[in-house]
Full PDB file with SEQRES, HELIX, SHEET, SSBOND, CRYST1, ORIGX, SCALE, CONECT and MASTER records, all heavy atoms in Angstrom:
SEQRES   1 A   40  GLU GLY CYS LEU SER PHE ASP GLY PHE GLN GLY VAL VAL          
SEQRES   2 A   40  THR ARG SER ALA ASP ILE THR ALA THR TYR GLU ASP ARG          
SEQRES   3 A   40  ALA GLY GLN LYS HIS THR ARG GLU PHE SER GLY TRP GLN          
SEQRES   4 A   40  ALA                                                          
SHEET    1 AA1 2 ASP A  18  GLU A  24  0                                        
SHEET    2 AA1 2 LYS A  30  SER A  36 -1                                        
CRYST1    1.000    1.000    1.000  90.00  90.00  90.00 P 1           1          
ORIGX1      1.000000  0.000000  0.000000        0.00000                         
ORIGX2      0.000000  1.000000  0.000000        0.00000                         
ORIGX3      0.000000  0.000000  1.000000        0.00000                         
SCALE1      1.000000  0.000000  0.000000        0.00000                         
SCALE2      0.000000  1.000000  0.000000        0.00000                         
SCALE3      0.000000  0.000000  1.000000        0.00000                         
ATOM      1  N   GLU A   1       0.853  -1.190   0.000  1.00  0.00           N  
ATOM      2  CA  GLU A   1       0.000   0.000   0.000  1.00  0.00           C  
ATOM      3  C   GLU A   1       0.884   1.232   0.000  1.00  0.00           C  
ATOM      4  O   GLU A   1       2.013   1.188   0.496  1.00  0.00           O  
ATOM      5  CB  GLU A   1      -0.878   0.069   1.263  1.00  0.00           C  
ATOM      6  CG  GLU A   1      -1.997  -0.903   1.327  1.00  0.00           C  
ATOM      7  CD  GLU A   1      -2.869  -0.686   2.566  1.00  0.00           C  
ATOM      8  OE1 GLU A   1      -2.883   0.454   3.117  1.00  0.00           O  
ATOM      9  OE2 GLU A   1      -3.522  -1.640   2.989  1.00  0.00           O  
ATOM     10  N   GLY A   2       0.337   2.310  -0.526  1.00  0.00           N  
ATOM     11  CA  GLY A   2       0.972   3.608  -0.404  1.00  0.00           C  
ATOM     12  C   GLY A   2      -0.001   4.573   0.242  1.00  0.00           C  
ATOM     13  O   GLY A   2      -1.155   4.220   0.510  1.00  0.00           O  
ATOM     14  N   CYS A   3       0.449   5.783   0.500  1.00  0.00           N  
ATOM     15  CA  CYS A   3      -0.415   6.793   1.105  1.00  0.00           C  
ATOM     16  C   CYS A   3       0.010   8.161   0.603  1.00  0.00           C  
ATOM     17  O   CYS A   3       1.211   8.481   0.586  1.00  0.00           O  
ATOM     18  CB  CYS A   3      -0.314   6.736   2.625  1.00  0.00           C  
ATOM     19  SG  CYS A   3      -1.348   7.963   3.466  1.00  0.00           S  
ATOM     20  N   LEU A   4      -0.965   8.965   0.221  1.00  0.00           N  
ATOM     21  CA  LEU A   4      -0.676  10.304  -0.277  1.00  0.00           C  
ATOM     22  C   LEU A   4      -0.077  11.200   0.800  1.00  0.00           C  
ATOM     23  O   LEU A   4       0.539  12.215   0.491  1.00  0.00           O  
ATOM     24  CB  LEU A   4      -1.952  10.938  -0.842  1.00  0.00           C  
ATOM     25  CG  LEU A   4      -2.610  10.175  -2.003  1.00  0.00           C  
ATOM     26  CD1 LEU A   4      -3.895  10.871  -2.422  1.00  0.00           C  
ATOM     27  CD2 LEU A   4      -1.655  10.049  -3.180  1.00  0.00           C  
ATOM     28  N   SER A   5      -0.228  10.794   2.066  1.00  0.00           N  
ATOM     29  CA  SER A   5       0.341  11.575   3.173  1.00  0.00           C  
ATOM     30  C   SER A   5       1.661  10.989   3.684  1.00  0.00           C  
ATOM     31  O   SER A   5       2.205  11.468   4.692  1.00  0.00           O  
ATOM     32  CB  SER A   5      -0.660  11.674   4.330  1.00  0.00           C  
ATOM     33  OG  SER A   5      -1.750  12.495   3.968  1.00  0.00           O  
ATOM     34  N   PHE A   6       2.157   9.974   3.013  1.00  0.00           N  
ATOM     35  CA  PHE A   6       3.499   9.430   3.280  1.00  0.00           C  
ATOM     36  C   PHE A   6       4.122   9.215   1.918  1.00  0.00           C  
ATOM     37  O   PHE A   6       4.399   8.105   1.500  1.00  0.00           O  
ATOM     38  CB  PHE A   6       3.402   8.144   4.093  1.00  0.00           C  
ATOM     39  CG  PHE A   6       4.732   7.609   4.570  1.00  0.00           C  
ATOM     40  CD1 PHE A   6       5.733   8.460   5.006  1.00  0.00           C  
ATOM     41  CD2 PHE A   6       4.964   6.249   4.597  1.00  0.00           C  
ATOM     42  CE1 PHE A   6       6.951   7.966   5.446  1.00  0.00           C  
ATOM     43  CE2 PHE A   6       6.173   5.735   5.052  1.00  0.00           C  
ATOM     44  CZ  PHE A   6       7.171   6.592   5.472  1.00  0.00           C  
ATOM     45  N   ASP A   7       4.294  10.328   1.239  1.00  0.00           N  
ATOM     46  CA  ASP A   7       4.633  10.321  -0.176  1.00  0.00           C  
ATOM     47  C   ASP A   7       5.988   9.669  -0.418  1.00  0.00           C  
ATOM     48  O   ASP A   7       6.951   9.925   0.297  1.00  0.00           O  
ATOM     49  CB  ASP A   7       4.651  11.764  -0.694  1.00  0.00           C  
ATOM     50  CG  ASP A   7       4.627  11.842  -2.202  1.00  0.00           C  
ATOM     51  OD1 ASP A   7       4.038  10.955  -2.839  1.00  0.00           O  
ATOM     52  OD2 ASP A   7       5.205  12.799  -2.747  1.00  0.00           O  
ATOM     53  N   GLY A   8       6.018   8.793  -1.446  1.00  0.00           N  
ATOM     54  CA  GLY A   8       7.287   8.231  -1.872  1.00  0.00           C  
ATOM     55  C   GLY A   8       7.601   6.854  -1.338  1.00  0.00           C  
ATOM     56  O   GLY A   8       8.661   6.300  -1.649  1.00  0.00           O  
ATOM     57  N   PHE A   9       6.704   6.262  -0.540  1.00  0.00           N  
ATOM     58  CA  PHE A   9       6.961   4.947   0.037  1.00  0.00           C  
ATOM     59  C   PHE A   9       5.750   4.027  -0.109  1.00  0.00           C  
ATOM     60  O   PHE A   9       4.614   4.481  -0.246  1.00  0.00           O  
ATOM     61  CB  PHE A   9       7.318   5.066   1.524  1.00  0.00           C  
ATOM     62  CG  PHE A   9       8.679   5.641   1.777  1.00  0.00           C  
ATOM     63  CD1 PHE A   9       8.849   7.014   1.865  1.00  0.00           C  
ATOM     64  CD2 PHE A   9       9.784   4.828   1.896  1.00  0.00           C  
ATOM     65  CE1 PHE A   9      10.094   7.564   2.073  1.00  0.00           C  
ATOM     66  CE2 PHE A   9      11.046   5.375   2.109  1.00  0.00           C  
ATOM     67  CZ  PHE A   9      11.200   6.747   2.196  1.00  0.00           C  
ATOM     68  N   GLN A  10       6.022   2.728  -0.080  1.00  0.00           N  
ATOM     69  CA  GLN A  10       4.982   1.707  -0.014  1.00  0.00           C  
ATOM     70  C   GLN A  10       5.416   0.638   0.975  1.00  0.00           C  
ATOM     71  O   GLN A  10       6.614   0.424   1.190  1.00  0.00           O  
ATOM     72  CB  GLN A  10       4.718   1.081  -1.391  1.00  0.00           C  
ATOM     73  CG  GLN A  10       4.136   2.029  -2.407  1.00  0.00           C  
ATOM     74  CD  GLN A  10       3.723   1.335  -3.692  1.00  0.00           C  
ATOM     75  OE1 GLN A  10       3.530   0.120  -3.723  1.00  0.00           O  
ATOM     76  NE2 GLN A  10       3.587   2.106  -4.753  1.00  0.00           N  
ATOM     77  N   GLY A  11       4.435  -0.033   1.571  1.00  0.00           N  
ATOM     78  CA  GLY A  11       4.738  -1.101   2.510  1.00  0.00           C  
ATOM     79  C   GLY A  11       3.638  -2.139   2.510  1.00  0.00           C  
ATOM     80  O   GLY A  11       2.496  -1.848   2.141  1.00  0.00           O  
ATOM     81  N   VAL A  12       3.971  -3.356   2.916  1.00  0.00           N  
ATOM     82  CA  VAL A  12       3.001  -4.452   2.944  1.00  0.00           C  
ATOM     83  C   VAL A  12       2.136  -4.354   4.196  1.00  0.00           C  
ATOM     84  O   VAL A  12       2.648  -4.274   5.313  1.00  0.00           O  
ATOM     85  CB  VAL A  12       3.707  -5.820   2.894  1.00  0.00           C  
ATOM     86  CG1 VAL A  12       2.696  -6.952   3.089  1.00  0.00           C  
ATOM     87  CG2 VAL A  12       4.442  -5.985   1.564  1.00  0.00           C  
ATOM     88  N   VAL A  13       0.833  -4.375   3.977  1.00  0.00           N  
ATOM     89  CA  VAL A  13      -0.143  -4.355   5.078  1.00  0.00           C  
ATOM     90  C   VAL A  13      -1.067  -5.551   4.903  1.00  0.00           C  
ATOM     91  O   VAL A  13      -1.597  -5.780   3.816  1.00  0.00           O  
ATOM     92  CB  VAL A  13      -0.978  -3.061   5.080  1.00  0.00           C  
ATOM     93  CG1 VAL A  13      -1.954  -3.060   6.261  1.00  0.00           C  
ATOM     94  CG2 VAL A  13      -0.081  -1.836   5.137  1.00  0.00           C  
ATOM     95  N   THR A  14      -1.257  -6.304   5.977  1.00  0.00           N  
ATOM     96  CA  THR A  14      -2.223  -7.408   5.975  1.00  0.00           C  
ATOM     97  C   THR A  14      -3.543  -6.887   6.525  1.00  0.00           C  
ATOM     98  O   THR A  14      -3.585  -6.324   7.628  1.00  0.00           O  
ATOM     99  CB  THR A  14      -1.716  -8.579   6.826  1.00  0.00           C  
ATOM    100  OG1 THR A  14      -0.495  -9.062   6.250  1.00  0.00           O  
ATOM    101  CG2 THR A  14      -2.738  -9.705   6.846  1.00  0.00           C  
ATOM    102  N   ARG A  15      -4.589  -7.061   5.723  1.00  0.00           N  
ATOM    103  CA  ARG A  15      -5.912  -6.567   6.119  1.00  0.00           C  
ATOM    104  C   ARG A  15      -6.968  -7.641   5.896  1.00  0.00           C  
ATOM    105  O   ARG A  15      -6.764  -8.595   5.147  1.00  0.00           O  
ATOM    106  CB  ARG A  15      -6.280  -5.327   5.300  1.00  0.00           C  
ATOM    107  CG  ARG A  15      -5.408  -4.107   5.541  1.00  0.00           C  
ATOM    108  CD  ARG A  15      -6.015  -2.894   4.873  1.00  0.00           C  
ATOM    109  NE  ARG A  15      -5.212  -1.687   4.973  1.00  0.00           N  
ATOM    110  CZ  ARG A  15      -5.263  -0.818   5.976  1.00  0.00           C  
ATOM    111  NH1 ARG A  15      -6.081  -1.041   6.993  1.00  0.00           N  
ATOM    112  NH2 ARG A  15      -4.509   0.265   5.972  1.00  0.00           N  
ATOM    113  N   SER A  16      -8.112  -7.414   6.526  1.00  0.00           N  
ATOM    114  CA  SER A  16      -9.263  -8.286   6.290  1.00  0.00           C  
ATOM    115  C   SER A  16      -9.665  -8.188   4.828  1.00  0.00           C  
ATOM    116  O   SER A  16      -9.714  -7.096   4.252  1.00  0.00           O  
ATOM    117  CB  SER A  16     -10.434  -7.879   7.178  1.00  0.00           C  
ATOM    118  OG  SER A  16     -10.110  -8.027   8.541  1.00  0.00           O  
ATOM    119  N   ALA A  17      -9.965  -9.344   4.234  1.00  0.00           N  
ATOM    120  CA  ALA A  17     -10.333  -9.378   2.818  1.00  0.00           C  
ATOM    121  C   ALA A  17     -11.825  -9.179   2.596  1.00  0.00           C  
ATOM    122  O   ALA A  17     -12.246  -8.894   1.473  1.00  0.00           O  
ATOM    123  CB  ALA A  17      -9.889 -10.698   2.190  1.00  0.00           C  
ATOM    124  N   ASP A  18     -12.615  -9.326   3.655  1.00  0.00           N  
ATOM    125  CA  ASP A  18     -14.066  -9.167   3.543  1.00  0.00           C  
ATOM    126  C   ASP A  18     -14.548  -8.363   4.747  1.00  0.00           C  
ATOM    127  O   ASP A  18     -14.328  -8.772   5.896  1.00  0.00           O  
ATOM    128  CB  ASP A  18     -14.773 -10.528   3.528  1.00  0.00           C  
ATOM    129  CG  ASP A  18     -14.239 -11.447   2.438  1.00  0.00           C  
ATOM    130  OD1 ASP A  18     -14.498 -11.163   1.261  1.00  0.00           O  
ATOM    131  OD2 ASP A  18     -13.547 -12.433   2.785  1.00  0.00           O  
ATOM    132  N   ILE A  19     -15.212  -7.254   4.487  1.00  0.00           N  
ATOM    133  CA  ILE A  19     -15.680  -6.406   5.583  1.00  0.00           C  
ATOM    134  C   ILE A  19     -17.112  -5.947   5.315  1.00  0.00           C  
ATOM    135  O   ILE A  19     -17.606  -5.975   4.189  1.00  0.00           O  
ATOM    136  CB  ILE A  19     -14.792  -5.161   5.769  1.00  0.00           C  
ATOM    137  CG1 ILE A  19     -14.879  -4.239   4.537  1.00  0.00           C  
ATOM    138  CG2 ILE A  19     -13.354  -5.552   6.066  1.00  0.00           C  
ATOM    139  CD1 ILE A  19     -14.280  -2.867   4.749  1.00  0.00           C  
ATOM    140  N   THR A  20     -17.749  -5.507   6.381  1.00  0.00           N  
ATOM    141  CA  THR A  20     -18.977  -4.739   6.250  1.00  0.00           C  
ATOM    142  C   THR A  20     -18.684  -3.340   6.780  1.00  0.00           C  
ATOM    143  O   THR A  20     -18.002  -3.182   7.791  1.00  0.00           O  
ATOM    144  CB  THR A  20     -20.150  -5.388   7.023  1.00  0.00           C  
ATOM    145  OG1 THR A  20     -21.341  -4.626   6.804  1.00  0.00           O  
ATOM    146  CG2 THR A  20     -19.879  -5.463   8.506  1.00  0.00           C  
ATOM    147  N   ALA A  21     -19.143  -2.344   6.058  1.00  0.00           N  
ATOM    148  CA  ALA A  21     -18.902  -0.951   6.449  1.00  0.00           C  
ATOM    149  C   ALA A  21     -20.226  -0.252   6.671  1.00  0.00           C  
ATOM    150  O   ALA A  21     -21.203  -0.462   5.939  1.00  0.00           O  
ATOM    151  CB  ALA A  21     -18.100  -0.231   5.373  1.00  0.00           C  
ATOM    152  N   THR A  22     -20.263   0.568   7.696  1.00  0.00           N  
ATOM    153  CA  THR A  22     -21.411   1.445   7.924  1.00  0.00           C  
ATOM    154  C   THR A  22     -20.924   2.875   7.747  1.00  0.00           C  
ATOM    155  O   THR A  22     -19.811   3.213   8.163  1.00  0.00           O  
ATOM    156  CB  THR A  22     -21.990   1.264   9.334  1.00  0.00           C  
ATOM    157  OG1 THR A  22     -20.961   1.500  10.304  1.00  0.00           O  
ATOM    158  CG2 THR A  22     -22.530  -0.148   9.510  1.00  0.00           C  
ATOM    159  N   TYR A  23     -21.739   3.692   7.128  1.00  0.00           N  
ATOM    160  CA  TYR A  23     -21.356   5.089   6.898  1.00  0.00           C  
ATOM    161  C   TYR A  23     -22.603   5.883   6.544  1.00  0.00           C  
ATOM    162  O   TYR A  23     -23.683   5.319   6.309  1.00  0.00           O  
ATOM    163  CB  TYR A  23     -20.331   5.195   5.767  1.00  0.00           C  
ATOM    164  CG  TYR A  23     -20.790   4.626   4.438  1.00  0.00           C  
ATOM    165  CD1 TYR A  23     -21.423   5.423   3.489  1.00  0.00           C  
ATOM    166  CD2 TYR A  23     -20.602   3.277   4.135  1.00  0.00           C  
ATOM    167  CE1 TYR A  23     -21.853   4.903   2.279  1.00  0.00           C  
ATOM    168  CE2 TYR A  23     -21.027   2.747   2.932  1.00  0.00           C  
ATOM    169  CZ  TYR A  23     -21.649   3.556   2.009  1.00  0.00           C  
ATOM    170  OH  TYR A  23     -22.082   3.030   0.813  1.00  0.00           O  
ATOM    171  N   GLU A  24     -22.448   7.181   6.510  1.00  0.00           N  
ATOM    172  CA  GLU A  24     -23.516   8.075   6.094  1.00  0.00           C  
ATOM    173  C   GLU A  24     -23.111   8.761   4.803  1.00  0.00           C  
ATOM    174  O   GLU A  24     -21.910   8.881   4.501  1.00  0.00           O  
ATOM    175  CB  GLU A  24     -23.791   9.120   7.178  1.00  0.00           C  
ATOM    176  CG  GLU A  24     -24.261   8.515   8.497  1.00  0.00           C  
ATOM    177  CD  GLU A  24     -24.238   9.529   9.632  1.00  0.00           C  
ATOM    178  OE1 GLU A  24     -24.201  10.746   9.347  1.00  0.00           O  
ATOM    179  OE2 GLU A  24     -24.229   9.110  10.803  1.00  0.00           O  
ATOM    180  N   ASP A  25     -24.096   9.216   4.026  1.00  0.00           N  
ATOM    181  CA  ASP A  25     -23.796  10.015   2.849  1.00  0.00           C  
ATOM    182  C   ASP A  25     -23.891  11.497   3.212  1.00  0.00           C  
ATOM    183  O   ASP A  25     -24.134  11.855   4.363  1.00  0.00           O  
ATOM    184  CB  ASP A  25     -24.705   9.652   1.674  1.00  0.00           C  
ATOM    185  CG  ASP A  25     -26.193   9.843   1.975  1.00  0.00           C  
ATOM    186  OD1 ASP A  25     -26.534  10.703   2.822  1.00  0.00           O  
ATOM    187  OD2 ASP A  25     -27.023   9.137   1.363  1.00  0.00           O  
ATOM    188  N   ARG A  26     -23.706  12.365   2.230  1.00  0.00           N  
ATOM    189  CA  ARG A  26     -23.679  13.801   2.529  1.00  0.00           C  
ATOM    190  C   ARG A  26     -25.018  14.322   3.036  1.00  0.00           C  
ATOM    191  O   ARG A  26     -25.069  15.369   3.690  1.00  0.00           O  
ATOM    192  CB  ARG A  26     -23.225  14.597   1.309  1.00  0.00           C  
ATOM    193  CG  ARG A  26     -24.187  14.567   0.138  1.00  0.00           C  
ATOM    194  CD  ARG A  26     -23.811  15.593  -0.922  1.00  0.00           C  
ATOM    195  NE  ARG A  26     -22.623  15.230  -1.684  1.00  0.00           N  
ATOM    196  CZ  ARG A  26     -22.095  16.021  -2.612  1.00  0.00           C  
ATOM    197  NH1 ARG A  26     -22.628  17.219  -2.868  1.00  0.00           N  
ATOM    198  NH2 ARG A  26     -21.024  15.640  -3.293  1.00  0.00           N  
ATOM    199  N   ALA A  27     -26.092  13.586   2.753  1.00  0.00           N  
ATOM    200  CA  ALA A  27     -27.412  13.991   3.232  1.00  0.00           C  
ATOM    201  C   ALA A  27     -27.724  13.436   4.617  1.00  0.00           C  
ATOM    202  O   ALA A  27     -28.789  13.708   5.174  1.00  0.00           O  
ATOM    203  CB  ALA A  27     -28.482  13.548   2.239  1.00  0.00           C  
ATOM    204  N   GLY A  28     -26.799  12.638   5.169  1.00  0.00           N  
ATOM    205  CA  GLY A  28     -27.014  12.075   6.493  1.00  0.00           C  
ATOM    206  C   GLY A  28     -27.711  10.739   6.499  1.00  0.00           C  
ATOM    207  O   GLY A  28     -28.020  10.202   7.563  1.00  0.00           O  
ATOM    208  N   GLN A  29     -27.965  10.181   5.308  1.00  0.00           N  
ATOM    209  CA  GLN A  29     -28.598   8.868   5.229  1.00  0.00           C  
ATOM    210  C   GLN A  29     -27.591   7.777   5.592  1.00  0.00           C  
ATOM    211  O   GLN A  29     -26.444   7.800   5.140  1.00  0.00           O  
ATOM    212  CB  GLN A  29     -29.141   8.619   3.820  1.00  0.00           C  
ATOM    213  CG  GLN A  29     -30.259   9.570   3.421  1.00  0.00           C  
ATOM    214  CD  GLN A  29     -31.495   9.402   4.295  1.00  0.00           C  
ATOM    215  OE1 GLN A  29     -31.983   8.297   4.499  1.00  0.00           O  
ATOM    216  NE2 GLN A  29     -31.991  10.521   4.809  1.00  0.00           N  
ATOM    217  N   LYS A  30     -28.014   6.815   6.395  1.00  0.00           N  
ATOM    218  CA  LYS A  30     -27.130   5.743   6.835  1.00  0.00           C  
ATOM    219  C   LYS A  30     -27.116   4.600   5.812  1.00  0.00           C  
ATOM    220  O   LYS A  30     -28.145   4.274   5.224  1.00  0.00           O  
ATOM    221  CB  LYS A  30     -27.578   5.212   8.203  1.00  0.00           C  
ATOM    222  CG  LYS A  30     -27.502   6.258   9.308  1.00  0.00           C  
ATOM    223  CD  LYS A  30     -27.880   5.660  10.653  1.00  0.00           C  
ATOM    224  CE  LYS A  30     -27.886   6.717  11.758  1.00  0.00           C  
ATOM    225  NZ  LYS A  30     -26.555   7.282  11.987  1.00  0.00           N  
ATOM    226  N   HIS A  31     -25.936   3.993   5.637  1.00  0.00           N  
ATOM    227  CA  HIS A  31     -25.765   2.893   4.696  1.00  0.00           C  
ATOM    228  C   HIS A  31     -24.948   1.787   5.349  1.00  0.00           C  
ATOM    229  O   HIS A  31     -24.079   2.050   6.182  1.00  0.00           O  
ATOM    230  CB  HIS A  31     -25.029   3.359   3.429  1.00  0.00           C  
ATOM    231  CG  HIS A  31     -25.724   4.444   2.681  1.00  0.00           C  
ATOM    232  ND1 HIS A  31     -26.573   4.194   1.623  1.00  0.00           N  
ATOM    233  CD2 HIS A  31     -25.702   5.798   2.839  1.00  0.00           C  
ATOM    234  CE1 HIS A  31     -27.032   5.345   1.150  1.00  0.00           C  
ATOM    235  NE2 HIS A  31     -26.526   6.328   1.882  1.00  0.00           N  
ATOM    236  N   THR A  32     -25.226   0.568   4.937  1.00  0.00           N  
ATOM    237  CA  THR A  32     -24.402  -0.585   5.294  1.00  0.00           C  
ATOM    238  C   THR A  32     -24.089  -1.322   3.998  1.00  0.00           C  
ATOM    239  O   THR A  32     -24.990  -1.600   3.203  1.00  0.00           O  
ATOM    240  CB  THR A  32     -25.124  -1.534   6.266  1.00  0.00           C  
ATOM    241  OG1 THR A  32     -25.443  -0.820   7.467  1.00  0.00           O  
ATOM    242  CG2 THR A  32     -24.244  -2.723   6.616  1.00  0.00           C  
ATOM    243  N   ARG A  33     -22.817  -1.603   3.787  1.00  0.00           N  
ATOM    244  CA  ARG A  33     -22.403  -2.217   2.515  1.00  0.00           C  
ATOM    245  C   ARG A  33     -21.222  -3.140   2.753  1.00  0.00           C  
ATOM    246  O   ARG A  33     -20.361  -2.850   3.586  1.00  0.00           O  
ATOM    247  CB  ARG A  33     -22.029  -1.111   1.520  1.00  0.00           C  
ATOM    248  CG  ARG A  33     -21.547  -1.576   0.160  1.00  0.00           C  
ATOM    249  CD  ARG A  33     -21.363  -0.375  -0.755  1.00  0.00           C  
ATOM    250  NE  ARG A  33     -20.634  -0.722  -1.966  1.00  0.00           N  
ATOM    251  CZ  ARG A  33     -20.278   0.151  -2.906  1.00  0.00           C  
ATOM    252  NH1 ARG A  33     -20.613   1.429  -2.766  1.00  0.00           N  
ATOM    253  NH2 ARG A  33     -19.599  -0.238  -3.977  1.00  0.00           N  
ATOM    254  N   GLU A  34     -21.217  -4.258   2.045  1.00  0.00           N  
ATOM    255  CA  GLU A  34     -20.099  -5.183   2.148  1.00  0.00           C  
ATOM    256  C   GLU A  34     -19.083  -4.906   1.042  1.00  0.00           C  
ATOM    257  O   GLU A  34     -19.455  -4.573  -0.088  1.00  0.00           O  
ATOM    258  CB  GLU A  34     -20.596  -6.636   2.066  1.00  0.00           C  
ATOM    259  CG  GLU A  34     -21.443  -7.035   3.265  1.00  0.00           C  
ATOM    260  CD  GLU A  34     -21.874  -8.495   3.235  1.00  0.00           C  
ATOM    261  OE1 GLU A  34     -21.481  -9.216   2.264  1.00  0.00           O  
ATOM    262  OE2 GLU A  34     -22.586  -8.925   4.155  1.00  0.00           O  
ATOM    263  N   PHE A  35     -17.802  -5.050   1.391  1.00  0.00           N  
ATOM    264  CA  PHE A  35     -16.709  -4.859   0.448  1.00  0.00           C  
ATOM    265  C   PHE A  35     -15.752  -6.039   0.568  1.00  0.00           C  
ATOM    266  O   PHE A  35     -15.533  -6.553   1.665  1.00  0.00           O  
ATOM    267  CB  PHE A  35     -15.934  -3.573   0.742  1.00  0.00           C  
ATOM    268  CG  PHE A  35     -16.737  -2.310   0.606  1.00  0.00           C  
ATOM    269  CD1 PHE A  35     -17.445  -1.798   1.696  1.00  0.00           C  
ATOM    270  CD2 PHE A  35     -16.774  -1.626  -0.595  1.00  0.00           C  
ATOM    271  CE1 PHE A  35     -18.166  -0.624   1.580  1.00  0.00           C  
ATOM    272  CE2 PHE A  35     -17.511  -0.447  -0.723  1.00  0.00           C  
ATOM    273  CZ  PHE A  35     -18.207   0.055   0.366  1.00  0.00           C  
ATOM    274  N   SER A  36     -15.168  -6.426  -0.555  1.00  0.00           N  
ATOM    275  CA  SER A  36     -14.194  -7.512  -0.553  1.00  0.00           C  
ATOM    276  C   SER A  36     -12.984  -7.112  -1.382  1.00  0.00           C  
ATOM    277  O   SER A  36     -13.042  -6.183  -2.197  1.00  0.00           O  
ATOM    278  CB  SER A  36     -14.804  -8.803  -1.125  1.00  0.00           C  
ATOM    279  OG  SER A  36     -15.814  -9.298  -0.275  1.00  0.00           O  
ATOM    280  N   GLY A  37     -11.880  -7.833  -1.171  1.00  0.00           N  
ATOM    281  CA  GLY A  37     -10.696  -7.628  -1.983  1.00  0.00           C  
ATOM    282  C   GLY A  37     -10.132  -6.230  -1.859  1.00  0.00           C  
ATOM    283  O   GLY A  37     -10.037  -5.658  -0.771  1.00  0.00           O  
ATOM    284  N   TRP A  38      -9.757  -5.658  -3.009  1.00  0.00           N  
ATOM    285  CA  TRP A  38      -9.099  -4.354  -3.007  1.00  0.00           C  
ATOM    286  C   TRP A  38     -10.031  -3.250  -2.534  1.00  0.00           C  
ATOM    287  O   TRP A  38      -9.587  -2.301  -1.887  1.00  0.00           O  
ATOM    288  CB  TRP A  38      -8.576  -4.052  -4.406  1.00  0.00           C  
ATOM    289  CG  TRP A  38      -7.415  -3.101  -4.392  1.00  0.00           C  
ATOM    290  CD1 TRP A  38      -7.417  -1.791  -4.782  1.00  0.00           C  
ATOM    291  CD2 TRP A  38      -6.082  -3.375  -3.954  1.00  0.00           C  
ATOM    292  NE1 TRP A  38      -6.170  -1.249  -4.610  1.00  0.00           N  
ATOM    293  CE2 TRP A  38      -5.328  -2.186  -4.109  1.00  0.00           C  
ATOM    294  CE3 TRP A  38      -5.453  -4.526  -3.442  1.00  0.00           C  
ATOM    295  CZ2 TRP A  38      -3.975  -2.117  -3.775  1.00  0.00           C  
ATOM    296  CZ3 TRP A  38      -4.114  -4.449  -3.110  1.00  0.00           C  
ATOM    297  CH2 TRP A  38      -3.398  -3.249  -3.273  1.00  0.00           C  
ATOM    298  N   GLN A  39     -11.310  -3.359  -2.829  1.00  0.00           N  
ATOM    299  CA  GLN A  39     -12.261  -2.357  -2.342  1.00  0.00           C  
ATOM    300  C   GLN A  39     -12.266  -2.326  -0.820  1.00  0.00           C  
ATOM    301  O   GLN A  39     -12.300  -1.249  -0.206  1.00  0.00           O  
ATOM    302  CB  GLN A  39     -13.666  -2.648  -2.865  1.00  0.00           C  
ATOM    303  CG  GLN A  39     -13.831  -2.444  -4.361  1.00  0.00           C  
ATOM    304  CD  GLN A  39     -15.270  -2.611  -4.805  1.00  0.00           C  
ATOM    305  OE1 GLN A  39     -16.152  -2.936  -4.003  1.00  0.00           O  
ATOM    306  NE2 GLN A  39     -15.527  -2.389  -6.080  1.00  0.00           N  
ATOM    307  N   ALA A  40     -12.225  -3.511  -0.194  1.00  0.00           N  
ATOM    308  CA  ALA A  40     -12.190  -3.575   1.272  1.00  0.00           C  
ATOM    309  C   ALA A  40     -10.930  -2.912   1.810  1.00  0.00           C  
ATOM    310  O   ALA A  40     -10.963  -2.218   2.840  1.00  0.00           O  
ATOM    311  CB  ALA A  40     -12.263  -5.030   1.733  1.00  0.00           C  
TER     312      ALA A  40                                                      
MASTER        0    0    0    0    2    0    0    6  311    1    0    4          
END                                                                             
């Protein structure tokens, strides 16, 4: 992975491959969505 706030470097990170995320949109509506792989 890289990061725009740690410019110029990359490092290996082990992460969950399948997640569920909860979040709100700009209107304040709540959402729950599953993500896998690179999206996760």
